PDB file of N, CA and C in Angstrom:
ATOM      1  N   MET A   1      87.589 215.994 212.283  1.00  0.00           N
ATOM      2  CA  MET A   1      86.447 216.487 213.025  1.00  0.00           C
ATOM      3  C   MET A   1      85.320 215.466 212.917  1.00  0.00           C
ATOM      4  N   MET A   2      84.659 215.182 214.046  1.00  0.00           N
ATOM      5  CA  MET A   2      83.553 214.244 214.057  1.00  0.00           C
ATOM      6  C   MET A   2      82.304 214.905 213.491  1.00  0.00           C
ATOM      7  N   ALA A   3      81.489 214.102 212.829  1.00  0.00           N
ATOM      8  CA  ALA A   3      80.220 214.601 212.295  1.00  0.00           C
ATOM      9  C   ALA A   3      79.238 214.849 213.430  1.00  0.00           C
ATOM     10  N   ALA A   4      78.326 215.783 213.206  1.00  0.00           N
ATOM     11  CA  ALA A   4      77.311 216.092 214.204  1.00  0.00           C
ATOM     12  C   ALA A   4      76.391 214.893 214.392  1.00  0.00           C
ATOM     13  N   LEU A   5      75.984 214.670 215.612  1.00  0.00           N
ATOM     14  CA  LEU A   5      75.097 213.563 215.932  1.00  0.00           C
ATOM     15  C   LEU A   5      73.671 214.069 216.030  1.00  0.00           C
ATOM     16  N   ALA A   6      72.735 213.290 215.525  1.00  0.00           N
ATOM     17  CA  ALA A   6      71.325 213.642 215.620  1.00  0.00           C
ATOM     18  C   ALA A   6      70.745 213.018 216.884  1.00  0.00           C
ATOM     19  N   GLY A   7      69.815 213.729 217.518  1.00  0.00           N
ATOM     20  CA  GLY A   7      69.200 213.252 218.752  1.00  0.00           C
ATOM     21  C   GLY A   7      68.544 211.894 218.593  1.00  0.00           C
ATOM     22  N   GLY A   8      67.891 211.661 217.450  1.00  0.00           N
ATOM     23  CA  GLY A   8      67.255 210.369 217.204  1.00  0.00           C
ATOM     24  C   GLY A   8      68.246 209.228 217.162  1.00  0.00           C
ATOM     25  N   GLU A   9      69.430 209.500 216.618  1.00  0.00           N
ATOM     26  CA  GLU A   9      70.489 208.480 216.573  1.00  0.00           C
ATOM     27  C   GLU A   9      70.975 208.144 217.982  1.00  0.00           C
ATOM     28  N   VAL A  10      71.088 209.165 218.817  1.00  0.00           N
ATOM     29  CA  VAL A  10      71.537 208.954 220.192  1.00  0.00           C
ATOM     30  C   VAL A  10      70.504 208.114 220.944  1.00  0.00           C
ATOM     31  N   ILE A  11      69.231 208.441 220.790  1.00  0.00           N
ATOM     32  CA  ILE A  11      68.170 207.682 221.459  1.00  0.00           C
ATOM     33  C   ILE A  11      68.176 206.229 220.989  1.00  0.00           C
ATOM     34  N   SER A  12      68.327 206.002 219.700  1.00  0.00           N
ATOM     35  CA  SER A  12      68.373 204.642 219.168  1.00  0.00           C
ATOM     36  C   SER A  12      69.569 203.863 219.714  1.00  0.00           C
ATOM     37  N   ALA A  13      70.709 204.524 219.828  1.00  0.00           N
ATOM     38  CA  ALA A  13      71.902 203.872 220.370  1.00  0.00           C
ATOM     39  C   ALA A  13      71.703 203.525 221.840  1.00  0.00           C
ATOM     40  N   VAL A  14      71.071 204.417 222.597  1.00  0.00           N
ATOM     41  CA  VAL A  14      70.776 204.138 224.004  1.00  0.00           C
ATOM     42  C   VAL A  14      69.818 202.953 224.091  1.00  0.00           C
ATOM     43  N   ALA A  15      68.783 202.932 223.258  1.00  0.00           N
ATOM     44  CA  ALA A  15      67.814 201.832 223.268  1.00  0.00           C
ATOM     45  C   ALA A  15      68.493 200.501 222.949  1.00  0.00           C
ATOM     46  N   THR A  16      69.417 200.514 222.002  1.00  0.00           N
ATOM     47  CA  THR A  16      70.143 199.299 221.637  1.00  0.00           C
ATOM     48  C   THR A  16      70.957 198.781 222.820  1.00  0.00           C
ATOM     49  N   LYS A  17      71.630 199.675 223.523  1.00  0.00           N
ATOM     50  CA  LYS A  17      72.429 199.271 224.684  1.00  0.00           C
ATOM     51  C   LYS A  17      71.541 198.777 225.824  1.00  0.00           C
ATOM     52  N   VAL A  18      70.400 199.433 226.038  1.00  0.00           N
ATOM     53  CA  VAL A  18      69.472 199.001 227.086  1.00  0.00           C
ATOM     54  C   VAL A  18      68.957 197.598 226.760  1.00  0.00           C
ATOM     55  N   ARG A  19      68.580 197.350 225.508  1.00  0.00           N
ATOM     56  CA  ARG A  19      68.087 196.020 225.113  1.00  0.00           C
ATOM     57  C   ARG A  19      69.169 194.976 225.301  1.00  0.00           C
ATOM     58  N   ALA A  20      70.402 195.276 224.919  1.00  0.00           N
ATOM     59  CA  ALA A  20      71.503 194.315 225.042  1.00  0.00           C
ATOM     60  C   ALA A  20      71.823 193.996 226.497  1.00  0.00           C
ATOM     61  N   ALA A  21      71.594 194.949 227.396  1.00  0.00           N
ATOM     62  CA  ALA A  21      71.944 194.771 228.802  1.00  0.00           C
ATOM     63  C   ALA A  21      70.844 194.099 229.621  1.00  0.00           C
ATOM     64  N   THR A  22      69.653 193.983 229.058  1.00  0.00           N
ATOM     65  CA  THR A  22      68.524 193.457 229.825  1.00  0.00           C
ATOM     66  C   THR A  22      67.897 192.247 229.133  1.00  0.00           C
ATOM     67  N   THR A  23      67.160 191.486 229.924  1.00  0.00           N
ATOM     68  CA  THR A  23      66.410 190.355 229.384  1.00  0.00           C
ATOM     69  C   THR A  23      64.972 190.802 229.135  1.00  0.00           C
ATOM     70  N   ASN A  24      64.224 190.004 228.395  1.00  0.00           N
ATOM     71  CA  ASN A  24      62.807 190.316 228.169  1.00  0.00           C
ATOM     72  C   ASN A  24      62.010 190.256 229.467  1.00  0.00           C
ATOM     73  N   GLY A  25      62.478 189.485 230.438  1.00  0.00           N
ATOM     74  CA  GLY A  25      61.820 189.444 231.746  1.00  0.00           C
ATOM     75  C   GLY A  25      62.025 190.738 232.524  1.00  0.00           C
ATOM     76  N   GLU A  26      63.190 191.354 232.344  1.00  0.00           N
ATOM     77  CA  GLU A  26      63.466 192.620 233.040  1.00  0.00           C
ATOM     78  C   GLU A  26      62.766 193.781 232.353  1.00  0.00           C
ATOM     79  N   LEU A  27      62.810 193.825 231.024  1.00  0.00           N
ATOM     80  CA  LEU A  27      62.128 194.855 230.230  1.00  0.00           C
ATOM     81  C   LEU A  27      61.508 194.184 229.013  1.00  0.00           C
ATOM     82  N   ALA A  28      60.200 194.054 229.010  1.00  0.00           N
ATOM     83  CA  ALA A  28      59.510 193.411 227.890  1.00  0.00           C
ATOM     84  C   ALA A  28      59.544 194.290 226.650  1.00  0.00           C
ATOM     85  N   GLU A  29      59.423 195.593 226.839  1.00  0.00           N
ATOM     86  CA  GLU A  29      59.382 196.536 225.723  1.00  0.00           C
ATOM     87  C   GLU A  29      60.256 197.753 226.021  1.00  0.00           C
ATOM     88  N   ILE A  30      60.757 198.347 224.971  1.00  0.00           N
ATOM     89  CA  ILE A  30      61.474 199.622 225.075  1.00  0.00           C
ATOM     90  C   ILE A  30      60.809 200.567 224.092  1.00  0.00           C
ATOM     91  N   TYR A  31      60.273 201.658 224.610  1.00  0.00           N
ATOM     92  CA  TYR A  31      59.585 202.649 223.788  1.00  0.00           C
ATOM     93  C   TYR A  31      60.476 203.868 223.625  1.00  0.00           C
ATOM     94  N   LYS A  32      60.522 204.414 222.420  1.00  0.00           N
ATOM     95  CA  LYS A  32      61.326 205.609 222.159  1.00  0.00           C
ATOM     96  C   LYS A  32      60.395 206.793 221.914  1.00  0.00           C
ATOM     97  N   ASN A  33      60.705 207.902 222.539  1.00  0.00           N
ATOM     98  CA  ASN A  33      60.070 209.209 222.355  1.00  0.00           C
ATOM     99  C   ASN A  33      58.674 209.353 222.945  1.00  0.00           C
ATOM    100  N   LYS A  34      57.752 208.413 222.723  1.00  0.00           N
ATOM    101  CA  LYS A  34      56.394 208.573 223.245  1.00  0.00           C
ATOM    102  C   LYS A  34      55.909 207.285 223.889  1.00  0.00           C
ATOM    103  N   PRO A  35      55.347 207.394 225.102  1.00  0.00           N
ATOM    104  CA  PRO A  35      54.716 206.212 225.690  1.00  0.00           C
ATOM    105  C   PRO A  35      53.497 205.814 224.864  1.00  0.00           C
ATOM    106  N   LYS A  36      53.199 204.538 224.841  1.00  0.00           N
ATOM    107  CA  LYS A  36      52.065 204.065 224.060  1.00  0.00           C
ATOM    108  C   LYS A  36      50.945 203.615 224.977  1.00  0.00           C
ATOM    109  N   GLN A  37      49.724 203.850 224.531  1.00  0.00           N
ATOM    110  CA  GLN A  37      48.579 203.380 225.288  1.00  0.00           C
ATOM    111  C   GLN A  37      48.557 201.862 225.223  1.00  0.00           C
ATOM    112  N   GLY A  38      48.216 201.223 226.338  1.00  0.00           N
ATOM    113  CA  GLY A  38      48.194 199.768 226.375  1.00  0.00           C
ATOM    114  C   GLY A  38      49.584 199.166 226.371  1.00  0.00           C
ATOM    115  N   MET A  39      50.534 199.855 227.004  1.00  0.00           N
ATOM    116  CA  MET A  39      51.922 199.399 226.995  1.00  0.00           C
ATOM    117  C   MET A  39      52.090 198.078 227.742  1.00  0.00           C
ATOM    118  N   SER A  40      53.106 197.334 227.314  1.00  0.00           N
ATOM    119  CA  SER A  40      53.487 196.103 227.992  1.00  0.00           C
ATOM    120  C   SER A  40      54.470 196.460 229.091  1.00  0.00           C
ATOM    121  N   THR A  41      54.309 195.865 230.248  1.00  0.00           N
ATOM    122  CA  THR A  41      55.255 196.078 231.333  1.00  0.00           C
ATOM    123  C   THR A  41      55.895 194.745 231.677  1.00  0.00           C
ATOM    124  N   PRO A  42      57.096 194.747 232.195  1.00  0.00           N
ATOM    125  CA  PRO A  42      57.949 195.889 232.503  1.00  0.00           C
ATOM    126  C   PRO A  42      58.488 196.524 231.221  1.00  0.00           C
ATOM    127  N   CYS A  43      58.669 197.835 231.261  1.00  0.00           N
ATOM    128  CA  CYS A  43      59.116 198.531 230.061  1.00  0.00           C
ATOM    129  C   CYS A  43      59.981 199.730 230.412  1.00  0.00           C
ATOM    130  N   ALA A  44      60.575 200.312 229.376  1.00  0.00           N
ATOM    131  CA  ALA A  44      61.366 201.533 229.530  1.00  0.00           C
ATOM    132  C   ALA A  44      60.929 202.520 228.457  1.00  0.00           C
ATOM    133  N   PHE A  45      60.899 203.804 228.811  1.00  0.00           N
ATOM    134  CA  PHE A  45      60.678 204.893 227.861  1.00  0.00           C
ATOM    135  C   PHE A  45      61.985 205.650 227.752  1.00  0.00           C
ATOM    136  N   ILE A  46      62.423 205.908 226.542  1.00  0.00           N
ATOM    137  CA  ILE A  46      63.664 206.644 226.325  1.00  0.00           C
ATOM    138  C   ILE A  46      63.327 207.857 225.470  1.00  0.00           C
ATOM    139  N   HIS A  47      63.617 209.038 226.004  1.00  0.00           N
ATOM    140  CA  HIS A  47      63.379 210.244 225.212  1.00  0.00           C
ATOM    141  C   HIS A  47      64.399 211.319 225.561  1.00  0.00           C
ATOM    142  N   GLN A  48      64.580 212.218 224.626  1.00  0.00           N
ATOM    143  CA  GLN A  48      65.534 213.315 224.779  1.00  0.00           C
ATOM    144  C   GLN A  48      64.860 214.464 225.498  1.00  0.00           C
ATOM    145  N   ILE A  49      65.508 214.946 226.538  1.00  0.00           N
ATOM    146  CA  ILE A  49      64.980 216.080 227.292  1.00  0.00           C
ATOM    147  C   ILE A  49      65.569 217.379 226.776  1.00  0.00           C
ATOM    148  N   GLU A  50      66.879 217.358 226.529  1.00  0.00           N
ATOM    149  CA  GLU A  50      67.554 218.599 226.133  1.00  0.00           C
ATOM    150  C   GLU A  50      68.757 218.283 225.254  1.00  0.00           C
ATOM    151  N   GLU A  51      69.106 219.239 224.396  1.00  0.00           N
ATOM    152  CA  GLU A  51      70.303 219.145 223.564  1.00  0.00           C
ATOM    153  C   GLU A  51      70.969 220.514 223.569  1.00  0.00           C
ATOM    154  N   GLN A  52      72.268 220.529 223.763  1.00  0.00           N
ATOM    155  CA  GLN A  52      73.023 221.783 223.737  1.00  0.00           C
ATOM    156  C   GLN A  52      74.276 221.586 222.906  1.00  0.00           C
ATOM    157  N   PHE A  53      74.735 222.665 222.306  1.00  0.00           N
ATOM    158  CA  PHE A  53      75.990 222.654 221.568  1.00  0.00           C
ATOM    159  C   PHE A  53      76.872 223.743 222.143  1.00  0.00           C
ATOM    160  N   ALA A  54      78.097 223.383 222.499  1.00  0.00           N
ATOM    161  CA  ALA A  54      79.053 224.338 223.039  1.00  0.00           C
ATOM    162  C   ALA A  54      80.160 224.529 222.000  1.00  0.00           C
ATOM    163  N   PRO A  55      80.143 225.649 221.261  1.00  0.00           N
ATOM    164  CA  PRO A  55      81.155 225.860 220.229  1.00  0.00           C
ATOM    165  C   PRO A  55      82.550 226.055 220.830  1.00  0.00           C
ATOM    166  N   GLU A  56      83.534 225.564 220.088  1.00  0.00           N
ATOM    167  CA  GLU A  56      84.935 225.745 220.461  1.00  0.00           C
ATOM    168  C   GLU A  56      85.647 226.354 219.264  1.00  0.00           C
ATOM    169  N   MET A  57      86.953 226.349 219.260  1.00  0.00           N
ATOM    170  CA  MET A  57      87.723 226.964 218.176  1.00  0.00           C
ATOM    171  C   MET A  57      87.717 226.098 216.922  1.00  0.00           C
ATOM    172  N   ARG A  58      87.868 226.747 215.781  1.00  0.00           N
ATOM    173  CA  ARG A  58      88.074 226.111 214.478  1.00  0.00           C
ATOM    174  C   ARG A  58      86.995 225.087 214.119  1.00  0.00           C
ATOM    175  N   ASN A  59      85.781 225.528 214.097  1.00  0.00           N
ATOM    176  CA  ASN A  59      84.650 224.688 213.687  1.00  0.00           C
ATOM    177  C   ASN A  59      84.505 223.411 214.516  1.00  0.00           C
ATOM    178  N   ARG A  60      84.875 223.477 215.745  1.00  0.00           N
ATOM    179  CA  ARG A  60      84.740 222.332 216.649  1.00  0.00           C
ATOM    180  C   ARG A  60      83.792 222.712 217.770  1.00  0.00           C
ATOM    181  N   GLY A  61      83.308 221.714 218.439  1.00  0.00           N
ATOM    182  CA  GLY A  61      82.436 221.966 219.566  1.00  0.00           C
ATOM    183  C   GLY A  61      82.026 220.664 220.222  1.00  0.00           C
ATOM    184  N   GLU A  62      81.306 220.788 221.310  1.00  0.00           N
ATOM    185  CA  GLU A  62      80.801 219.624 222.022  1.00  0.00           C
ATOM    186  C   GLU A  62      79.284 219.661 222.018  1.00  0.00           C
ATOM    187  N   GLN A  63      78.695 218.494 221.794  1.00  0.00           N
ATOM    188  CA  GLN A  63      77.252 218.364 221.869  1.00  0.00           C
ATOM    189  C   GLN A  63      76.913 217.677 223.184  1.00  0.00           C
ATOM    190  N   PHE A  64      75.875 218.156 223.834  1.00  0.00           N
ATOM    191  CA  PHE A  64      75.416 217.577 225.085  1.00  0.00           C
ATOM    192  C   PHE A  64      73.961 217.155 224.909  1.00  0.00           C
ATOM    193  N   TYR A  65      73.673 215.924 225.257  1.00  0.00           N
ATOM    194  CA  TYR A  65      72.307 215.417 225.187  1.00  0.00           C
ATOM    195  C   TYR A  65      71.889 214.969 226.581  1.00  0.00           C
ATOM    196  N   MET A  66      70.721 215.384 227.008  1.00  0.00           N
ATOM    197  CA  MET A  66      70.148 214.871 228.240  1.00  0.00           C
ATOM    198  C   MET A  66      69.051 213.890 227.820  1.00  0.00           C
ATOM    199  N   ILE A  67      69.280 212.631 228.131  1.00  0.00           N
ATOM    200  CA  ILE A  67      68.370 211.560 227.740  1.00  0.00           C
ATOM    201  C   ILE A  67      67.763 210.968 229.008  1.00  0.00           C
ATOM    202  N   ASP A  68      66.446 210.777 228.986  1.00  0.00           N
ATOM    203  CA  ASP A  68      65.736 210.177 230.111  1.00  0.00           C
ATOM    204  C   ASP A  68      65.426 208.724 229.776  1.00  0.00           C
ATOM    205  N   VAL A  69      65.840 207.817 230.649  1.00  0.00           N
ATOM    206  CA  VAL A  69      65.490 206.399 230.529  1.00  0.00           C
ATOM    207  C   VAL A  69      64.632 206.098 231.753  1.00  0.00           C
ATOM    208  N   ARG A  70      63.336 205.988 231.525  1.00  0.00           N
ATOM    209  CA  ARG A  70      62.380 205.807 232.622  1.00  0.00           C
ATOM    210  C   ARG A  70      61.842 204.383 232.550  1.00  0.00           C
ATOM    211  N   CYS A  71      61.999 203.629 233.633  1.00  0.00           N
ATOM    212  CA  CYS A  71      61.602 202.227 233.652  1.00  0.00           C
ATOM    213  C   CYS A  71      60.357 202.033 234.513  1.00  0.00           C
ATOM    214  N   HIS A  72      59.460 201.147 234.038  1.00  0.00           N
ATOM    215  CA  HIS A  72      58.208 200.854 234.736  1.00  0.00           C
ATOM    216  C   HIS A  72      58.107 199.355 234.983  1.00  0.00           C
ATOM    217  N   PRO A  73      57.908 198.961 236.243  1.00  0.00           N
ATOM    218  CA  PRO A  73      57.792 197.533 236.554  1.00  0.00           C
ATOM    219  C   PRO A  73      56.392 197.004 236.232  1.00  0.00           C
ATOM    220  N   ILE A  74      56.230 195.701 236.381  1.00  0.00           N
ATOM    221  CA  ILE A  74      54.903 195.102 236.295  1.00  0.00           C
ATOM    222  C   ILE A  74      54.113 195.641 237.486  1.00  0.00           C
ATOM    223  N   PRO A  75      52.886 196.106 237.274  1.00  0.00           N
ATOM    224  CA  PRO A  75      52.117 196.706 238.376  1.00  0.00           C
ATOM    225  C   PRO A  75      51.961 195.814 239.607  1.00  0.00           C
ATOM    226  N   THR A  76      51.950 194.515 239.428  1.00  0.00           N
ATOM    227  CA  THR A  76      51.778 193.609 240.568  1.00  0.00           C
ATOM    228  C   THR A  76      53.102 193.155 241.173  1.00  0.00           C
ATOM    229  N   ASN A  77      54.200 193.709 240.729  1.00  0.00           N
ATOM    230  CA  ASN A  77      55.525 193.326 241.225  1.00  0.00           C
ATOM    231  C   ASN A  77      55.652 193.738 242.687  1.00  0.00           C
ATOM    232  N   THR A  78      55.937 192.768 243.550  1.00  0.00           N
ATOM    233  CA  THR A  78      56.077 193.064 244.983  1.00  0.00           C
ATOM    234  C   THR A  78      57.533 193.325 245.372  1.00  0.00           C
ATOM    235  N   THR A  79      58.453 193.151 244.426  1.00  0.00           N
ATOM    236  CA  THR A  79      59.877 193.382 244.710  1.00  0.00           C
ATOM    237  C   THR A  79      60.403 194.521 243.834  1.00  0.00           C
ATOM    238  N   VAL A  80      59.651 195.601 243.760  1.00  0.00           N
ATOM    239  CA  VAL A  80      60.015 196.719 242.890  1.00  0.00           C
ATOM    240  C   VAL A  80      61.379 197.290 243.245  1.00  0.00           C
ATOM    241  N   ASP A  81      61.678 197.419 244.532  1.00  0.00           N
ATOM    242  CA  ASP A  81      62.967 197.994 244.938  1.00  0.00           C
ATOM    243  C   ASP A  81      64.133 197.155 244.427  1.00  0.00           C
ATOM    244  N   THR A  82      64.040 195.849 244.575  1.00  0.00           N
ATOM    245  CA  THR A  82      65.107 194.960 244.104  1.00  0.00           C
ATOM    246  C   THR A  82      65.213 195.017 242.584  1.00  0.00           C
ATOM    247  N   TRP A  83      64.067 194.978 241.894  1.00  0.00           N
ATOM    248  CA  TRP A  83      64.040 195.055 240.434  1.00  0.00           C
ATOM    249  C   TRP A  83      64.690 196.356 239.953  1.00  0.00           C
ATOM    250  N   ALA A  84      64.305 197.466 240.563  1.00  0.00           N
ATOM    251  CA  ALA A  84      64.820 198.772 240.153  1.00  0.00           C
ATOM    252  C   ALA A  84      66.318 198.890 240.419  1.00  0.00           C
ATOM    253  N   GLN A  85      66.767 198.412 241.568  1.00  0.00           N
ATOM    254  CA  GLN A  85      68.185 198.502 241.903  1.00  0.00           C
ATOM    255  C   GLN A  85      69.026 197.641 240.958  1.00  0.00           C
ATOM    256  N   THR A  86      68.573 196.434 240.668  1.00  0.00           N
ATOM    257  CA  THR A  86      69.285 195.554 239.741  1.00  0.00           C
ATOM    258  C   THR A  86      69.341 196.161 238.349  1.00  0.00           C
ATOM    259  N   LEU A  87      68.204 196.685 237.896  1.00  0.00           N
ATOM    260  CA  LEU A  87      68.141 197.293 236.573  1.00  0.00           C
ATOM    261  C   LEU A  87      69.019 198.539 236.485  1.00  0.00           C
ATOM    262  N   ALA A  88      68.987 199.378 237.496  1.00  0.00           N
ATOM    263  CA  ALA A  88      69.797 200.607 237.505  1.00  0.00           C
ATOM    264  C   ALA A  88      71.283 200.271 237.429  1.00  0.00           C
ATOM    265  N   THR A  89      71.717 199.269 238.179  1.00  0.00           N
ATOM    266  CA  THR A  89      73.126 198.867 238.157  1.00  0.00           C
ATOM    267  C   THR A  89      73.540 198.398 236.763  1.00  0.00           C
ATOM    268  N   LYS A  90      72.688 197.586 236.120  1.00  0.00           N
ATOM    269  CA  LYS A  90      72.985 197.117 234.764  1.00  0.00           C
ATOM    270  C   LYS A  90      73.058 198.277 233.777  1.00  0.00           C
ATOM    271  N   LEU A  91      72.106 199.188 233.859  1.00  0.00           N
ATOM    272  CA  LEU A  91      72.054 200.296 232.903  1.00  0.00           C
ATOM    273  C   LEU A  91      73.197 201.280 233.097  1.00  0.00           C
ATOM    274  N   LEU A  92      73.603 201.518 234.337  1.00  0.00           N
ATOM    275  CA  LEU A  92      74.748 202.411 234.579  1.00  0.00           C
ATOM    276  C   LEU A  92      75.994 201.898 233.876  1.00  0.00           C
ATOM    277  N   GLY A  93      76.242 200.600 233.974  1.00  0.00           N
ATOM    278  CA  GLY A  93      77.400 200.014 233.309  1.00  0.00           C
ATOM    279  C   GLY A  93      77.257 200.016 231.795  1.00  0.00           C
ATOM    280  N   ALA A  94      76.074 199.682 231.306  1.00  0.00           N
ATOM    281  CA  ALA A  94      75.853 199.565 229.860  1.00  0.00           C
ATOM    282  C   ALA A  94      75.904 200.906 229.149  1.00  0.00           C
ATOM    283  N   LEU A  95      75.482 201.965 229.808  1.00  0.00           N
ATOM    284  CA  LEU A  95      75.368 203.259 229.139  1.00  0.00           C
ATOM    285  C   LEU A  95      76.576 204.175 229.344  1.00  0.00           C
ATOM    286  N   GLU A  96      77.639 203.629 229.899  1.00  0.00           N
ATOM    287  CA  GLU A  96      78.847 204.439 230.088  1.00  0.00           C
ATOM    288  C   GLU A  96      79.400 204.913 228.753  1.00  0.00           C
ATOM    289  N   THR A  97      79.368 204.047 227.751  1.00  0.00           N
ATOM    290  CA  THR A  97      79.730 204.435 226.384  1.00  0.00           C
ATOM    291  C   THR A  97      78.710 203.825 225.435  1.00  0.00           C
ATOM    292  N   ILE A  98      78.415 204.536 224.357  1.00  0.00           N
ATOM    293  CA  ILE A  98      77.538 204.028 223.303  1.00  0.00           C
ATOM    294  C   ILE A  98      78.199 204.327 221.967  1.00  0.00           C
ATOM    295  N   THR A  99      77.748 203.648 220.929  1.00  0.00           N
ATOM    296  CA  THR A  99      78.257 203.913 219.592  1.00  0.00           C
ATOM    297  C   THR A  99      77.140 204.527 218.763  1.00  0.00           C
ATOM    298  N   VAL A 100      77.413 205.719 218.223  1.00  0.00           N
ATOM    299  CA  VAL A 100      76.445 206.449 217.417  1.00  0.00           C
ATOM    300  C   VAL A 100      77.130 206.815 216.104  1.00  0.00           C
ATOM    301  N   SER A 101      76.567 206.364 214.990  1.00  0.00           N
ATOM    302  CA  SER A 101      77.138 206.644 213.660  1.00  0.00           C
ATOM    303  C   SER A 101      78.634 206.336 213.609  1.00  0.00           C
ATOM    304  N   SER A 102      78.996 205.154 214.094  1.00  0.00           N
ATOM    305  CA  SER A 102      80.391 204.669 214.109  1.00  0.00           C
ATOM    306  C   SER A 102      81.306 205.493 215.009  1.00  0.00           C
ATOM    307  N   GLN A 103      80.743 206.322 215.880  1.00  0.00           N
ATOM    308  CA  GLN A 103      81.536 207.113 216.820  1.00  0.00           C
ATOM    309  C   GLN A 103      81.257 206.633 218.231  1.00  0.00           C
ATOM    310  N   THR A 104      82.306 206.457 219.032  1.00  0.00           N
ATOM    311  CA  THR A 104      82.122 206.096 220.427  1.00  0.00           C
ATOM    312  C   THR A 104      81.834 207.370 221.207  1.00  0.00           C
ATOM    313  N   VAL A 105      80.739 207.329 221.942  1.00  0.00           N
ATOM    314  CA  VAL A 105      80.306 208.492 222.727  1.00  0.00           C
ATOM    315  C   VAL A 105      80.329 208.098 224.195  1.00  0.00           C
ATOM    316  N   LYS A 106      80.958 208.908 225.011  1.00  0.00           N
ATOM    317  CA  LYS A 106      81.085 208.628 226.438  1.00  0.00           C
ATOM    318  C   LYS A 106      80.108 209.495 227.226  1.00  0.00           C
ATOM    319  N   ALA A 107      79.458 208.852 228.183  1.00  0.00           N
ATOM    320  CA  ALA A 107      78.555 209.597 229.061  1.00  0.00           C
ATOM    321  C   ALA A 107      79.376 210.445 230.019  1.00  0.00           C
ATOM    322  N   ARG A 108      79.034 211.718 230.116  1.00  0.00           N
ATOM    323  CA  ARG A 108      79.726 212.612 231.057  1.00  0.00           C
ATOM    324  C   ARG A 108      79.214 212.393 232.475  1.00  0.00           C
ATOM    325  N   SER A 109      77.918 212.179 232.600  1.00  0.00           N
ATOM    326  CA  SER A 109      77.331 211.907 233.905  1.00  0.00           C
ATOM    327  C   SER A 109      76.065 211.097 233.695  1.00  0.00           C
ATOM    328  N   ILE A 110      75.793 210.279 234.673  1.00  0.00           N
ATOM    329  CA  ILE A 110      74.604 209.439 234.608  1.00  0.00           C
ATOM    330  C   ILE A 110      73.851 209.632 235.909  1.00  0.00           C
TER     331      ILE A 110
END
């Protein structure tokens, strides 16, 4: 049986994958849980929206996490659509699976 995953661990694993998939030019900063005043752009905010546990037989179950990855471009960026589309494509591929506490976790939907 796999150990229960903590929401903070999932967010950290998502942040690690987002950083690995992007350059500093695409995302200068990645913030977890709370946006910061005076943030650097372009940036991403990653926070947990919801967590659910679906019990199954014999002390087993599935955990579901809804994680929001919200990206913000440089305010003067005139090619926001291209930037967003390129970034979304990279993140979709990168976040298909993540590793949390030595466990491979697969995204059910993105």
